[in-house]
């Protein structure tokens, strides 16, 4: 997953080893790839200043669809859905921000022939 602050000029080597923004963390609860994808978005939102526009580029269709398409329905149902605990936190962080958050899907690379 790549996180970019939009107002500034795009910088090379974002996400490279040794950068201060890199982090690692254990996902609480069950250890699934879906939870890890949501947790990565939460960590990115926590690290980026709330007054700066943000783009989250990820290969995770699950994370994007959970936020963009299903969040309102899951909120109305009291977050009684798979990974509702993480989605509630994630949506809360987005609502708290004063600048927009953009999600961009990175298509999987085609297999080498």
C-alpha atoms as a PDB file:
ATOM      1  CA  UNK A   1       0.000   0.000   0.000  1.00  0.00           C
ATOM      2  CA  UNK A   2       1.281   3.469  -0.853  1.00  0.00           C
ATOM      3  CA  UNK A   3       0.242   6.649   0.884  1.00  0.00           C
ATOM      4  CA  UNK A   4       0.806  10.015  -0.740  1.00  0.00           C
ATOM      5  CA  UNK A   5       0.168  13.526   0.476  1.00  0.00           C
ATOM      6  CA  UNK A   6      -1.373  15.193  -2.559  1.00  0.00           C
ATOM      7  CA  UNK A   7      -0.646  18.926  -2.118  1.00  0.00           C
ATOM      8  CA  UNK A   8       3.100  18.433  -2.313  1.00  0.00           C
ATOM      9  CA  UNK A   9       5.040  17.349  -5.306  1.00  0.00           C
ATOM     10  CA  UNK A  10       5.222  13.567  -5.574  1.00  0.00           C
ATOM     11  CA  UNK A  11       8.418  12.277  -4.062  1.00  0.00           C
ATOM     12  CA  UNK A  12      10.371   9.269  -5.308  1.00  0.00           C
ATOM     13  CA  UNK A  13      11.072   6.312  -3.066  1.00  0.00           C
ATOM     14  CA  UNK A  14       7.977   6.601  -0.886  1.00  0.00           C
ATOM     15  CA  UNK A  15       7.633   3.363   1.003  1.00  0.00           C
ATOM     16  CA  UNK A  16      11.337   2.538   0.760  1.00  0.00           C
ATOM     17  CA  UNK A  17      13.216   0.841   3.557  1.00  0.00           C
ATOM     18  CA  UNK A  18      14.446   3.045   6.369  1.00  0.00           C
ATOM     19  CA  UNK A  19      11.916   5.860   6.036  1.00  0.00           C
ATOM     20  CA  UNK A  20      10.473   7.311   9.224  1.00  0.00           C
ATOM     21  CA  UNK A  21       6.898   6.690   8.043  1.00  0.00           C
ATOM     22  CA  UNK A  22       7.458   2.944   7.741  1.00  0.00           C
ATOM     23  CA  UNK A  23       6.027   0.948  10.599  1.00  0.00           C
ATOM     24  CA  UNK A  24       5.046  -2.526  11.593  1.00  0.00           C
ATOM     25  CA  UNK A  25       2.321  -3.604  13.897  1.00  0.00           C
ATOM     26  CA  UNK A  26       0.433  -6.722  14.850  1.00  0.00           C
ATOM     27  CA  UNK A  27      -3.248  -6.766  14.007  1.00  0.00           C
ATOM     28  CA  UNK A  28      -5.318  -7.500  17.080  1.00  0.00           C
ATOM     29  CA  UNK A  29      -7.995 -10.148  16.857  1.00  0.00           C
ATOM     30  CA  UNK A  30      -7.942 -12.891  14.267  1.00  0.00           C
ATOM     31  CA  UNK A  31      -4.975 -12.808  11.907  1.00  0.00           C
ATOM     32  CA  UNK A  32      -6.443 -12.600   8.408  1.00  0.00           C
ATOM     33  CA  UNK A  33      -5.316 -10.812   5.274  1.00  0.00           C
ATOM     34  CA  UNK A  34      -8.535  -8.747   5.228  1.00  0.00           C
ATOM     35  CA  UNK A  35      -7.878  -7.471   8.760  1.00  0.00           C
ATOM     36  CA  UNK A  36      -4.253  -6.738   7.858  1.00  0.00           C
ATOM     37  CA  UNK A  37      -5.365  -4.672   4.855  1.00  0.00           C
ATOM     38  CA  UNK A  38      -7.779  -2.615   6.963  1.00  0.00           C
ATOM     39  CA  UNK A  39      -5.183  -2.233   9.728  1.00  0.00           C
ATOM     40  CA  UNK A  40      -2.667  -0.865   7.197  1.00  0.00           C
ATOM     41  CA  UNK A  41      -5.169   1.808   6.132  1.00  0.00           C
ATOM     42  CA  UNK A  42      -5.813   2.707   9.784  1.00  0.00           C
ATOM     43  CA  UNK A  43      -2.084   3.093  10.453  1.00  0.00           C
ATOM     44  CA  UNK A  44      -1.699   5.287   7.365  1.00  0.00           C
ATOM     45  CA  UNK A  45      -4.588   7.521   8.460  1.00  0.00           C
ATOM     46  CA  UNK A  46      -3.086   7.865  11.929  1.00  0.00           C
ATOM     47  CA  UNK A  47       0.316   8.897  10.547  1.00  0.00           C
ATOM     48  CA  UNK A  48      -0.866  11.481   8.017  1.00  0.00           C
ATOM     49  CA  UNK A  49      -1.846  14.955   9.208  1.00  0.00           C
ATOM     50  CA  UNK A  50      -5.621  15.434   9.136  1.00  0.00           C
ATOM     51  CA  UNK A  51      -5.439  18.768   7.334  1.00  0.00           C
ATOM     52  CA  UNK A  52      -3.576  17.352   4.303  1.00  0.00           C
ATOM     53  CA  UNK A  53      -5.274  15.658   1.382  1.00  0.00           C
ATOM     54  CA  UNK A  54      -4.333  11.993   1.229  1.00  0.00           C
ATOM     55  CA  UNK A  55      -4.311   9.264  -1.413  1.00  0.00           C
ATOM     56  CA  UNK A  56      -4.263   5.618  -0.368  1.00  0.00           C
ATOM     57  CA  UNK A  57      -3.194   3.344  -3.214  1.00  0.00           C
ATOM     58  CA  UNK A  58      -3.746  -0.332  -2.538  1.00  0.00           C
ATOM     59  CA  UNK A  59      -4.350  -3.648  -4.280  1.00  0.00           C
ATOM     60  CA  UNK A  60      -7.012  -4.476  -1.708  1.00  0.00           C
ATOM     61  CA  UNK A  61     -10.432  -4.292  -3.331  1.00  0.00           C
ATOM     62  CA  UNK A  62     -11.841  -5.418   0.015  1.00  0.00           C
ATOM     63  CA  UNK A  63     -10.502  -2.365   1.866  1.00  0.00           C
ATOM     64  CA  UNK A  64     -11.697   0.056  -0.812  1.00  0.00           C
ATOM     65  CA  UNK A  65     -15.172  -1.473  -1.154  1.00  0.00           C
ATOM     66  CA  UNK A  66     -15.599  -1.685   2.624  1.00  0.00           C
ATOM     67  CA  UNK A  67     -14.999   2.049   2.948  1.00  0.00           C
ATOM     68  CA  UNK A  68     -16.467   3.458  -0.258  1.00  0.00           C
ATOM     69  CA  UNK A  69     -19.514   1.245  -0.847  1.00  0.00           C
ATOM     70  CA  UNK A  70     -20.482  -0.590   2.346  1.00  0.00           C
ATOM     71  CA  UNK A  71     -19.552   1.731   5.230  1.00  0.00           C
ATOM     72  CA  UNK A  72     -22.904   3.547   5.411  1.00  0.00           C
ATOM     73  CA  UNK A  73     -24.879   0.294   5.472  1.00  0.00           C
ATOM     74  CA  UNK A  74     -22.588  -1.280   8.070  1.00  0.00           C
ATOM     75  CA  UNK A  75     -22.793   1.858  10.221  1.00  0.00           C
ATOM     76  CA  UNK A  76     -26.605   1.714  10.102  1.00  0.00           C
ATOM     77  CA  UNK A  77     -26.435  -1.930  11.245  1.00  0.00           C
ATOM     78  CA  UNK A  78     -24.186  -1.091  14.197  1.00  0.00           C
ATOM     79  CA  UNK A  79     -21.018  -2.501  12.581  1.00  0.00           C
ATOM     80  CA  UNK A  80     -22.281  -6.089  12.991  1.00  0.00           C
ATOM     81  CA  UNK A  81     -20.250  -7.281  10.042  1.00  0.00           C
ATOM     82  CA  UNK A  82     -16.990  -9.069   9.471  1.00  0.00           C
ATOM     83  CA  UNK A  83     -14.182  -6.824  10.753  1.00  0.00           C
ATOM     84  CA  UNK A  84     -16.730  -4.280  11.968  1.00  0.00           C
ATOM     85  CA  UNK A  85     -14.477  -3.299  14.867  1.00  0.00           C
ATOM     86  CA  UNK A  86     -11.730  -2.159  12.482  1.00  0.00           C
ATOM     87  CA  UNK A  87     -14.121  -0.583   9.993  1.00  0.00           C
ATOM     88  CA  UNK A  88     -15.705   1.515  12.742  1.00  0.00           C
ATOM     89  CA  UNK A  89     -12.278   2.879  13.729  1.00  0.00           C
ATOM     90  CA  UNK A  90     -11.277   3.448  10.101  1.00  0.00           C
ATOM     91  CA  UNK A  91     -14.437   5.402   9.247  1.00  0.00           C
ATOM     92  CA  UNK A  92     -14.093   7.393  12.462  1.00  0.00           C
ATOM     93  CA  UNK A  93     -10.583   8.451  11.440  1.00  0.00           C
ATOM     94  CA  UNK A  94     -11.795   9.510   7.990  1.00  0.00           C
ATOM     95  CA  UNK A  95     -14.673  11.549   9.461  1.00  0.00           C
ATOM     96  CA  UNK A  96     -12.284  13.239  11.903  1.00  0.00           C
ATOM     97  CA  UNK A  97     -10.082  14.538   9.089  1.00  0.00           C
ATOM     98  CA  UNK A  98     -10.648  17.999   7.614  1.00  0.00           C
ATOM     99  CA  UNK A  99      -9.003  17.097   4.281  1.00  0.00           C
ATOM    100  CA  UNK A 100     -10.265  14.474   1.836  1.00  0.00           C
ATOM    101  CA  UNK A 101      -9.035  10.897   1.558  1.00  0.00           C
ATOM    102  CA  UNK A 102      -8.850   9.377  -1.920  1.00  0.00           C
ATOM    103  CA  UNK A 103      -8.641   5.639  -2.557  1.00  0.00           C
ATOM    104  CA  UNK A 104      -6.925   4.299  -5.656  1.00  0.00           C
ATOM    105  CA  UNK A 105      -6.984   0.646  -6.697  1.00  0.00           C
ATOM    106  CA  UNK A 106      -3.717  -0.750  -8.037  1.00  0.00           C
ATOM    107  CA  UNK A 107      -4.413  -3.537 -10.494  1.00  0.00           C
ATOM    108  CA  UNK A 108      -2.506  -6.753 -10.018  1.00  0.00           C
ATOM    109  CA  UNK A 109       0.374  -7.134 -12.385  1.00  0.00           C
ATOM    110  CA  UNK A 110      -0.148  -9.608 -15.141  1.00  0.00           C
ATOM    111  CA  UNK A 111       1.923 -12.756 -14.959  1.00  0.00           C
ATOM    112  CA  UNK A 112       5.150 -12.711 -16.942  1.00  0.00           C
ATOM    113  CA  UNK A 113       4.925 -14.733 -20.106  1.00  0.00           C
END
